[in-house]
Amino acid sequence: MGRLAQVIPQRMLRAFGRLGWTVARQTGSHAIVTMPGRTSVTIPVHPGTLKLGTAKAILKQAGLTEDEFFEAY
């Protein structure tokens, strides 16, 4: 099991903040983070951990590698 299979949504939001992303809005349990010059990314903020495919898709949409993400995580 890889590191991405154990990512907690609240910590993912904090890591995105450290990388320069800001929470534009939150609708229910989904936070939308933005960064100038990039497309917005939706992060589900549910209790527990994110599924592996969901975490990978979020990083791919944000244009981040796992190493870049875990340096801020």
C-alpha atoms as a PDB file:
ATOM      1  CA  MET A   1       0.000   0.000   0.000  1.00  0.00           C
ATOM      2  CA  GLY A   2       1.455   3.356  -1.045  1.00  0.00           C
ATOM      3  CA  ARG A   3       1.549   6.643   0.763  1.00  0.00           C
ATOM      4  CA  LEU A   4      -1.358   8.063  -1.275  1.00  0.00           C
ATOM      5  CA  ALA A   5      -3.707   5.369   0.032  1.00  0.00           C
ATOM      6  CA  GLN A   6      -3.462   6.889   3.513  1.00  0.00           C
ATOM      7  CA  VAL A   7      -4.045  10.583   2.725  1.00  0.00           C
ATOM      8  CA  ILE A   8      -6.442  12.406   5.047  1.00  0.00           C
ATOM      9  CA  PRO A   9      -8.531  15.068   3.231  1.00  0.00           C
ATOM     10  CA  GLN A  10      -7.972  17.795   5.851  1.00  0.00           C
ATOM     11  CA  ARG A  11      -4.192  17.288   5.652  1.00  0.00           C
ATOM     12  CA  MET A  12      -4.404  17.362   1.853  1.00  0.00           C
ATOM     13  CA  LEU A  13      -6.075  20.777   2.063  1.00  0.00           C
ATOM     14  CA  ARG A  14      -3.329  21.973   4.425  1.00  0.00           C
ATOM     15  CA  ALA A  15      -0.629  20.690   2.043  1.00  0.00           C
ATOM     16  CA  PHE A  16      -2.261  22.449  -0.911  1.00  0.00           C
ATOM     17  CA  GLY A  17      -2.263  25.644   1.180  1.00  0.00           C
ATOM     18  CA  ARG A  18       1.466  25.275   1.818  1.00  0.00           C
ATOM     19  CA  LEU A  19       1.971  24.884  -1.934  1.00  0.00           C
ATOM     20  CA  GLY A  20       0.240  28.220  -2.618  1.00  0.00           C
ATOM     21  CA  TRP A  21      -3.320  27.079  -3.329  1.00  0.00           C
ATOM     22  CA  THR A  22      -6.256  28.817  -1.624  1.00  0.00           C
ATOM     23  CA  VAL A  23      -9.716  27.539  -0.767  1.00  0.00           C
ATOM     24  CA  ALA A  24     -12.041  29.504  -3.040  1.00  0.00           C
ATOM     25  CA  ARG A  25     -15.225  28.072  -1.590  1.00  0.00           C
ATOM     26  CA  GLN A  26     -16.700  25.004   0.047  1.00  0.00           C
ATOM     27  CA  THR A  27     -20.028  23.494  -0.897  1.00  0.00           C
ATOM     28  CA  GLY A  28     -21.095  20.816   1.545  1.00  0.00           C
ATOM     29  CA  SER A  29     -18.233  18.382   1.932  1.00  0.00           C
ATOM     30  CA  HIS A  30     -16.277  19.462  -1.165  1.00  0.00           C
ATOM     31  CA  ALA A  31     -13.650  22.212  -1.053  1.00  0.00           C
ATOM     32  CA  ILE A  32     -12.599  23.944  -4.273  1.00  0.00           C
ATOM     33  CA  VAL A  33      -8.982  25.125  -4.239  1.00  0.00           C
ATOM     34  CA  THR A  34      -7.521  27.531  -6.787  1.00  0.00           C
ATOM     35  CA  MET A  35      -4.174  28.924  -7.824  1.00  0.00           C
ATOM     36  CA  PRO A  36      -3.641  31.748 -10.311  1.00  0.00           C
ATOM     37  CA  GLY A  37      -2.795  30.387 -13.744  1.00  0.00           C
ATOM     38  CA  ARG A  38      -4.127  26.892 -13.002  1.00  0.00           C
ATOM     39  CA  THR A  39      -7.496  25.196 -13.128  1.00  0.00           C
ATOM     40  CA  SER A  40      -9.447  24.771  -9.895  1.00  0.00           C
ATOM     41  CA  VAL A  41      -9.375  21.431  -8.095  1.00  0.00           C
ATOM     42  CA  THR A  42     -12.125  19.873  -5.997  1.00  0.00           C
ATOM     43  CA  ILE A  43     -11.138  17.998  -2.839  1.00  0.00           C
ATOM     44  CA  PRO A  44     -13.786  15.914  -1.042  1.00  0.00           C
ATOM     45  CA  VAL A  45     -13.544  16.566   2.695  1.00  0.00           C
ATOM     46  CA  HIS A  46     -15.121  13.411   4.101  1.00  0.00           C
ATOM     47  CA  PRO A  47     -14.130  11.656   7.332  1.00  0.00           C
ATOM     48  CA  GLY A  48     -11.466   8.970   6.975  1.00  0.00           C
ATOM     49  CA  THR A  49      -8.953   8.652   4.163  1.00  0.00           C
ATOM     50  CA  LEU A  50      -9.248   9.309   0.442  1.00  0.00           C
ATOM     51  CA  LYS A  51      -9.334   6.378  -1.932  1.00  0.00           C
ATOM     52  CA  LEU A  52      -6.132   5.833  -3.887  1.00  0.00           C
ATOM     53  CA  GLY A  53      -7.674   6.664  -7.276  1.00  0.00           C
ATOM     54  CA  THR A  54      -9.264   9.841  -5.948  1.00  0.00           C
ATOM     55  CA  ALA A  55      -5.984  11.067  -4.446  1.00  0.00           C
ATOM     56  CA  LYS A  56      -4.091  10.328  -7.675  1.00  0.00           C
ATOM     57  CA  ALA A  57      -6.731  12.113  -9.761  1.00  0.00           C
ATOM     58  CA  ILE A  58      -6.577  15.213  -7.537  1.00  0.00           C
ATOM     59  CA  LEU A  59      -2.788  15.425  -7.858  1.00  0.00           C
ATOM     60  CA  LYS A  60      -2.951  14.860 -11.624  1.00  0.00           C
ATOM     61  CA  GLN A  61      -5.559  17.603 -12.038  1.00  0.00           C
ATOM     62  CA  ALA A  62      -3.421  19.964  -9.930  1.00  0.00           C
ATOM     63  CA  GLY A  63      -0.299  19.133 -11.936  1.00  0.00           C
ATOM     64  CA  LEU A  64       1.630  17.905  -8.898  1.00  0.00           C
ATOM     65  CA  THR A  65       3.836  14.874  -8.460  1.00  0.00           C
ATOM     66  CA  GLU A  66       3.606  12.660  -5.401  1.00  0.00           C
ATOM     67  CA  ASP A  67       7.029  13.854  -4.244  1.00  0.00           C
ATOM     68  CA  GLU A  68       6.043  17.544  -4.516  1.00  0.00           C
ATOM     69  CA  PHE A  69       2.851  16.827  -2.602  1.00  0.00           C
ATOM     70  CA  PHE A  70       4.493  14.842   0.199  1.00  0.00           C
ATOM     71  CA  GLU A  71       7.152  17.523   0.737  1.00  0.00           C
ATOM     72  CA  ALA A  72       4.296  19.801   1.828  1.00  0.00           C
ATOM     73  CA  TYR A  73       2.194  17.070   3.482  1.00  0.00           C
END
